[in-house]
N, C-alpha and C. Protein backbone atom coordinates (compact mmCIF):
# COMPACT_ATOMS: atom_id res chain seq x y z
N MET A 1 20.43 72.77 155.74
CA MET A 1 20.37 71.40 155.95
C MET A 1 20.08 70.94 157.55
N SER A 2 19.21 70.19 157.65
CA SER A 2 19.04 69.74 159.07
C SER A 2 19.76 68.70 159.42
N PRO A 3 20.27 68.54 160.62
CA PRO A 3 21.15 67.22 161.03
C PRO A 3 20.24 66.14 161.03
N ALA A 4 21.02 65.18 160.86
CA ALA A 4 20.31 63.62 160.70
C ALA A 4 20.01 63.22 162.17
N LEU A 5 18.75 62.86 162.37
CA LEU A 5 18.32 62.37 163.79
C LEU A 5 19.25 61.40 164.43
N ASP A 6 19.87 60.59 163.60
CA ASP A 6 20.82 59.61 164.35
C ASP A 6 22.36 60.04 164.63
N GLU A 7 22.51 61.38 164.57
CA GLU A 7 23.94 61.99 164.50
C GLU A 7 24.41 61.51 165.91
N ARG A 8 23.52 61.72 166.84
CA ARG A 8 24.05 61.65 168.41
C ARG A 8 24.53 60.08 168.71
N GLU A 9 23.74 59.31 168.12
CA GLU A 9 24.07 57.77 168.07
C GLU A 9 25.49 57.36 167.34
N ARG A 10 25.33 58.13 166.36
CA ARG A 10 26.52 57.79 165.48
C ARG A 10 27.88 58.33 166.07
N ILE A 11 27.76 59.67 166.56
CA ILE A 11 28.88 60.03 167.23
C ILE A 11 29.33 59.04 168.48
N SER A 12 28.31 58.72 169.34
CA SER A 12 28.64 57.82 170.31
C SER A 12 29.39 56.38 169.86
N ALA A 13 28.73 55.87 168.94
CA ALA A 13 29.30 54.71 168.33
C ALA A 13 30.73 54.96 167.91
N ALA A 14 30.95 56.07 167.36
CA ALA A 14 32.27 56.33 166.71
C ALA A 14 33.24 56.51 167.73
N MET A 15 32.74 57.19 168.90
CA MET A 15 33.72 57.45 170.00
C MET A 15 33.92 56.08 170.53
N ASP A 16 33.13 55.21 170.79
CA ASP A 16 33.40 53.86 171.53
C ASP A 16 34.41 53.38 170.50
N ARG A 17 34.33 53.16 169.16
CA ARG A 17 35.25 52.45 168.34
C ARG A 17 36.74 53.13 168.27
N ILE A 18 36.65 54.46 168.24
CA ILE A 18 38.09 55.02 168.51
C ILE A 18 38.68 54.63 169.74
N LEU A 19 37.99 54.81 170.83
CA LEU A 19 38.76 54.62 172.14
C LEU A 19 38.86 53.03 172.51
N ALA A 20 38.30 52.21 171.67
CA ALA A 20 38.53 50.85 171.67
C ALA A 20 39.88 50.54 170.76
N GLY A 21 40.10 51.39 169.74
CA GLY A 21 41.09 51.19 169.04
C GLY A 21 40.69 50.35 167.80
N THR A 22 39.35 50.52 167.23
CA THR A 22 38.96 49.84 166.12
C THR A 22 38.10 50.77 165.29
N PRO A 23 38.86 51.81 164.81
CA PRO A 23 38.03 52.76 163.92
C PRO A 23 37.80 51.98 162.63
N GLN A 24 36.78 52.57 162.02
CA GLN A 24 36.46 51.84 160.68
C GLN A 24 36.46 52.84 159.48
N ASN A 25 36.16 54.16 159.80
CA ASN A 25 36.06 55.32 158.80
C ASN A 25 37.08 56.42 159.00
N SER A 26 38.05 56.05 159.95
CA SER A 26 39.02 57.22 160.11
C SER A 26 40.49 56.64 160.50
N THR A 27 41.27 57.54 160.98
CA THR A 27 42.65 57.00 161.21
C THR A 27 42.58 56.75 162.81
N GLY A 28 41.63 56.88 163.56
CA GLY A 28 41.48 56.66 164.82
C GLY A 28 42.43 57.47 165.70
N ALA A 29 42.63 58.59 165.19
CA ALA A 29 43.54 59.62 166.03
C ALA A 29 42.46 60.01 167.19
N LEU A 30 43.03 60.46 168.28
CA LEU A 30 42.18 61.13 169.19
C LEU A 30 41.93 62.60 169.24
N THR A 31 41.29 62.74 167.91
CA THR A 31 40.91 64.14 167.72
C THR A 31 39.55 64.32 167.32
N ILE A 32 38.93 65.50 167.46
CA ILE A 32 37.49 65.81 167.04
C ILE A 32 37.28 65.53 165.47
N VAL A 33 38.44 65.89 164.74
CA VAL A 33 38.32 65.62 163.33
C VAL A 33 38.10 64.28 163.07
N ALA A 34 38.89 63.49 163.49
CA ALA A 34 38.76 61.86 163.28
C ALA A 34 37.58 61.50 163.90
N LEU A 35 36.92 61.81 165.10
CA LEU A 35 35.69 61.54 165.79
C LEU A 35 34.73 61.86 164.66
N ALA A 36 34.54 63.10 164.00
CA ALA A 36 33.70 63.29 163.09
C ALA A 36 33.68 62.41 161.90
N GLN A 37 34.84 62.29 161.42
CA GLN A 37 34.92 61.29 160.29
C GLN A 37 34.64 59.93 160.53
N GLU A 38 34.86 59.36 161.60
CA GLU A 38 34.38 58.21 162.10
C GLU A 38 32.82 57.99 162.16
N ALA A 39 32.19 59.22 162.68
CA ALA A 39 30.83 59.05 162.82
C ALA A 39 30.17 59.48 161.37
N ASP A 40 30.92 59.84 160.49
CA ASP A 40 30.33 60.49 159.33
C ASP A 40 29.44 61.59 159.29
N VAL A 41 30.02 62.41 160.19
CA VAL A 41 29.16 63.95 160.55
C VAL A 41 30.15 64.95 160.22
N PRO A 42 29.53 66.10 159.92
CA PRO A 42 30.53 67.22 159.56
C PRO A 42 30.97 67.73 161.06
N ARG A 43 32.23 68.23 160.96
CA ARG A 43 32.97 68.66 162.19
C ARG A 43 32.12 69.65 162.97
N ASN A 44 31.47 70.35 162.40
CA ASN A 44 30.56 71.30 163.23
C ASN A 44 29.44 70.82 163.93
N ALA A 45 29.11 69.50 163.43
CA ALA A 45 28.13 68.76 164.37
C ALA A 45 28.68 68.51 165.81
N LEU A 46 29.98 68.38 165.88
CA LEU A 46 30.66 68.21 167.24
C LEU A 46 30.85 69.56 167.82
N THR A 47 31.25 70.47 166.97
CA THR A 47 31.52 71.76 167.66
C THR A 47 30.43 72.84 167.96
N GLN A 48 29.36 72.78 167.20
CA GLN A 48 28.28 73.57 167.27
C GLN A 48 27.03 72.91 167.88
N ARG A 49 26.39 71.81 167.00
CA ARG A 49 25.19 71.03 167.35
C ARG A 49 25.38 70.31 168.60
N HIS A 50 26.32 69.65 168.73
CA HIS A 50 26.40 68.54 169.80
C HIS A 50 27.75 68.72 170.63
N PRO A 51 27.82 69.74 171.20
CA PRO A 51 29.11 70.05 172.01
C PRO A 51 29.38 69.10 173.00
N ASP A 52 28.36 68.60 173.73
CA ASP A 52 28.43 67.61 174.96
C ASP A 52 29.14 66.35 174.52
N PRO A 53 28.86 65.69 173.41
CA PRO A 53 29.65 64.50 173.05
C PRO A 53 31.16 64.69 172.90
N LYS A 54 31.32 65.96 172.21
CA LYS A 54 32.85 66.51 172.04
C LYS A 54 33.42 66.40 173.50
N ASN A 55 32.84 67.25 174.40
CA ASN A 55 33.41 67.21 175.70
C ASN A 55 33.47 65.89 176.27
N GLU A 56 32.56 64.96 176.28
CA GLU A 56 32.54 63.57 176.66
C GLU A 56 33.77 62.99 176.15
N PHE A 57 34.05 63.01 174.76
CA PHE A 57 35.20 62.47 174.15
C PHE A 57 36.53 62.91 174.84
N TYR A 58 36.74 64.12 175.03
CA TYR A 58 37.79 64.54 175.54
C TYR A 58 37.98 64.13 176.93
N GLU A 59 36.94 64.05 177.79
CA GLU A 59 36.97 63.44 179.09
C GLU A 59 37.53 62.17 179.17
N ARG A 60 36.99 61.47 178.25
CA ARG A 60 37.26 59.83 178.21
C ARG A 60 38.64 59.88 177.69
N VAL A 61 39.11 60.55 176.95
CA VAL A 61 40.47 60.48 176.37
C VAL A 61 41.50 60.66 177.61
N LYS A 62 41.22 61.81 178.35
CA LYS A 62 41.92 62.16 179.48
C LYS A 62 41.80 61.30 180.56
N ALA A 63 40.64 60.50 180.73
CA ALA A 63 40.56 59.56 181.84
C ALA A 63 41.41 58.31 181.55
N ARG A 64 41.51 58.08 180.28
CA ARG A 64 42.52 56.95 179.67
C ARG A 64 43.94 57.08 179.98
N GLY A 65 44.26 58.50 180.34
CA GLY A 65 45.57 58.85 180.58
C GLY A 65 46.27 58.94 179.01
N ALA A 66 45.46 58.95 178.16
CA ALA A 66 46.22 59.08 176.75
C ALA A 66 46.35 60.64 176.47
N THR A 67 47.46 60.84 175.75
CA THR A 67 47.70 62.14 175.16
C THR A 67 47.16 62.36 173.99
N LEU A 68 46.40 63.57 173.71
CA LEU A 68 45.80 63.85 172.53
C LEU A 68 46.90 63.93 171.48
N ASP A 69 46.44 63.48 170.22
CA ASP A 69 47.48 63.57 169.06
C ASP A 69 47.73 65.07 168.99
N VAL A 70 46.88 66.13 168.98
CA VAL A 70 47.20 67.26 168.81
C VAL A 70 48.24 67.95 169.72
N GLU A 71 48.10 67.27 170.98
CA GLU A 71 49.18 67.68 172.02
C GLU A 71 50.50 67.17 171.68
N VAL A 72 50.61 65.84 171.12
CA VAL A 72 51.88 65.06 170.85
C VAL A 72 52.52 65.98 169.89
N ARG A 73 51.79 66.44 168.61
CA ARG A 73 52.23 67.10 167.57
C ARG A 73 52.85 68.45 168.10
N LEU A 74 51.81 69.10 168.85
CA LEU A 74 52.51 70.42 169.35
C LEU A 74 53.76 70.41 170.20
N ARG A 75 53.82 69.38 171.04
CA ARG A 75 55.09 69.03 171.83
C ARG A 75 56.14 68.67 170.87
N ASP A 76 56.13 68.00 169.82
CA ASP A 76 57.09 67.71 168.98
C ASP A 76 57.47 69.12 168.26
N THR A 77 56.59 69.82 167.81
CA THR A 77 56.87 71.20 167.23
C THR A 77 57.50 71.98 168.06
N ILE A 78 57.19 72.03 169.43
CA ILE A 78 57.92 72.92 170.43
C ILE A 78 59.31 72.50 170.43
N ILE A 79 59.54 71.13 170.52
CA ILE A 79 61.06 70.61 170.59
C ILE A 79 61.78 71.04 169.40
N LYS A 80 61.21 70.97 168.13
CA LYS A 80 61.94 71.36 167.12
C LYS A 80 62.15 72.88 166.99
N LEU A 81 61.16 73.61 167.33
CA LEU A 81 61.51 74.99 167.57
C LEU A 81 62.36 75.46 168.34
N LYS A 82 62.51 74.79 169.76
CA LYS A 82 63.48 75.06 170.71
C LYS A 82 65.02 74.80 170.06
N LYS A 83 64.85 73.71 169.24
CA LYS A 83 66.53 73.44 168.53
C LYS A 83 66.75 74.40 167.53
N THR A 84 65.66 74.84 166.81
CA THR A 84 65.94 75.88 165.84
C THR A 84 66.46 77.25 166.68
N ILE A 85 65.77 77.60 167.56
CA ILE A 85 66.14 78.87 168.16
C ILE A 85 67.49 78.51 168.98
N ALA A 86 67.90 77.49 169.47
CA ALA A 86 69.23 77.19 169.92
C ALA A 86 70.17 77.43 168.92
N ASN A 87 70.00 76.78 167.72
CA ASN A 87 70.90 77.05 166.50
C ASN A 87 71.10 78.46 166.13
N LYS A 88 69.96 79.00 166.03
CA LYS A 88 69.96 80.49 165.39
C LYS A 88 70.63 81.39 166.72
N ASN A 89 70.54 80.98 167.72
CA ASN A 89 71.41 82.02 169.03
C ASN A 89 72.79 81.61 168.81
N LYS A 90 73.19 80.31 168.53
CA LYS A 90 74.65 80.13 168.30
C LYS A 90 75.08 80.69 167.17
N GLU A 91 74.33 80.62 165.83
CA GLU A 91 74.85 81.45 164.79
C GLU A 91 74.93 82.92 165.01
N LEU A 92 74.11 83.54 165.74
CA LEU A 92 74.01 84.82 165.98
C LEU A 92 75.31 85.19 166.82
N ALA A 93 75.41 84.50 167.92
CA ALA A 93 76.58 84.59 168.76
C ALA A 93 78.05 84.74 167.82
N GLN A 94 78.14 83.79 166.85
CA GLN A 94 79.20 83.61 166.10
C GLN A 94 79.31 84.93 165.09
N ILE A 95 78.16 85.28 164.69
CA ILE A 95 78.03 86.46 163.76
C ILE A 95 78.62 87.70 164.61
N ARG A 96 78.15 87.81 165.86
CA ARG A 96 78.48 88.84 166.72
C ARG A 96 79.90 88.86 166.99
N GLU A 97 80.56 87.72 167.04
CA GLU A 97 81.95 87.73 167.31
C GLU A 97 82.92 88.05 166.23
N ASP A 98 82.08 87.70 165.00
CA ASP A 98 82.92 88.07 163.78
C ASP A 98 82.89 89.55 163.22
N VAL A 99 81.88 90.20 163.73
CA VAL A 99 81.84 91.63 163.18
C VAL A 99 83.00 92.60 163.63
N PRO A 100 83.47 92.40 164.69
CA PRO A 100 84.70 93.42 164.93
C PRO A 100 85.89 93.22 164.26
N ALA A 101 86.05 91.93 163.86
CA ALA A 101 87.15 91.56 162.83
C ALA A 101 86.97 92.02 161.47
N LEU A 102 85.66 92.03 161.16
CA LEU A 102 85.46 92.27 159.75
C LEU A 102 85.62 94.05 159.67
N VAL A 103 84.99 94.67 160.63
CA VAL A 103 85.12 96.16 160.80
C VAL A 103 86.51 96.57 160.89
N ARG A 104 87.50 95.85 161.34
CA ARG A 104 88.85 96.11 161.39
C ARG A 104 89.41 95.99 159.93
N ALA A 105 89.03 94.78 159.32
CA ALA A 105 89.47 94.65 157.88
C ALA A 105 89.06 95.57 156.93
N VAL A 106 87.60 95.98 157.15
CA VAL A 106 87.22 97.04 156.31
C VAL A 106 87.84 98.46 156.58
N HIS A 107 88.21 98.59 157.68
CA HIS A 107 88.91 99.81 158.28
C HIS A 107 90.25 99.88 157.42
N GLN A 108 90.90 98.82 157.72
CA GLN A 108 92.31 98.69 157.05
C GLN A 108 92.44 98.98 155.50
N LEU A 109 91.42 98.25 154.74
CA LEU A 109 91.20 98.37 153.45
C LEU A 109 91.01 99.71 153.01
N THR A 110 90.17 100.44 153.71
CA THR A 110 89.83 101.69 153.40
C THR A 110 91.01 102.66 153.53
N LEU A 111 92.01 102.49 154.65
CA LEU A 111 93.26 103.15 154.68
C LEU A 111 93.92 103.13 153.48
N GLU A 112 94.33 101.76 153.09
CA GLU A 112 95.17 101.27 152.06
C GLU A 112 94.72 101.91 150.80
N ASN A 113 93.40 102.08 150.64
CA ASN A 113 92.69 102.71 149.44
C ASN A 113 92.96 103.96 149.31
N GLN A 114 92.79 104.64 150.46
CA GLN A 114 93.02 106.01 150.50
C GLN A 114 94.66 106.43 150.22
N GLU A 115 95.43 105.67 150.84
CA GLU A 115 96.81 105.82 150.53
C GLU A 115 97.11 105.75 149.01
N LEU A 116 96.54 104.84 148.34
CA LEU A 116 96.78 104.45 146.89
C LEU A 116 96.17 105.69 145.99
N ARG A 117 95.20 106.15 146.48
CA ARG A 117 94.41 107.35 145.72
C ARG A 117 95.50 108.44 145.79
N ALA A 118 95.84 108.62 147.01
CA ALA A 118 96.71 109.73 147.19
C ALA A 118 98.06 109.66 146.40
N GLN A 119 98.53 108.32 146.13
CA GLN A 119 99.70 108.35 145.38
C GLN A 119 99.33 108.50 143.93
N LEU A 120 98.38 108.19 143.59
CA LEU A 120 97.82 108.36 142.09
C LEU A 120 97.64 109.82 141.89
N GLU A 121 97.45 110.63 142.89
CA GLU A 121 97.22 112.26 142.83
C GLU A 121 98.55 112.86 142.72
N LEU A 122 99.52 112.20 142.91
CA LEU A 122 101.04 112.92 143.05
C LEU A 122 101.51 112.90 141.55
N PRO A 123 102.36 114.00 141.32
CA PRO A 123 102.96 114.13 139.85
C PRO A 123 104.09 112.83 139.80
N GLU A 124 104.04 112.58 138.50
CA GLU A 124 105.08 111.45 138.22
C GLU A 124 106.60 111.94 138.44
N PRO A 125 107.55 111.14 139.10
CA PRO A 125 108.51 111.47 139.46
C PRO A 125 109.36 111.75 138.05
N ASN A 126 110.31 112.71 138.09
CA ASN A 126 111.22 112.71 136.87
C ASN A 126 112.44 111.91 136.83
N VAL A 127 112.61 110.93 137.65
CA VAL A 127 113.70 110.03 137.71
C VAL A 127 113.49 108.86 136.49
N THR A 128 114.52 108.95 135.99
CA THR A 128 114.60 107.93 134.87
C THR A 128 115.60 106.68 135.56
N PRO A 129 115.07 105.55 135.46
CA PRO A 129 115.79 104.31 136.07
C PRO A 129 117.03 104.22 135.18
N LEU A 130 118.05 103.77 135.86
CA LEU A 130 119.49 103.32 135.17
C LEU A 130 119.30 101.93 134.84
N HIS A 131 119.96 101.56 133.73
CA HIS A 131 120.07 100.22 133.51
C HIS A 131 121.32 99.72 133.82
N ARG A 132 121.30 98.57 134.18
CA ARG A 132 122.40 97.98 134.58
C ARG A 132 123.32 97.56 133.26
N ARG A 133 124.57 97.77 133.58
CA ARG A 133 125.33 97.19 132.39
C ARG A 133 125.58 95.61 132.36
N ARG A 134 125.62 95.27 131.26
CA ARG A 134 126.01 93.81 130.91
C ARG A 134 127.29 93.48 131.08
């Protein structure tokens, strides 16, 4: 399928609308996906056939001082992941503190179990308990 002759013009008009904050066919996000949607062209029109408008779009976004939506999402993800890592490190430290006590408990139970098994192996005593008088 050959590209439409007016693709570049549609991309340019879409870029102007998005940067003006008046998108008509997209969310208005500062992304190539939104630009392609706004221009009603496939995404590969921007990444393969017309990379110069894509680069111009990113330059204009950067010149405005606006942070790209992708960058904002990535920064939010980084913050969440750092919190997750901190929580996991705290949990791991607690587990490492608990391990010695658990090892001691298992050791104690093993010794008690060995003693009980040894008592079971002994013959029954021949002692008859005396009953108390009433």
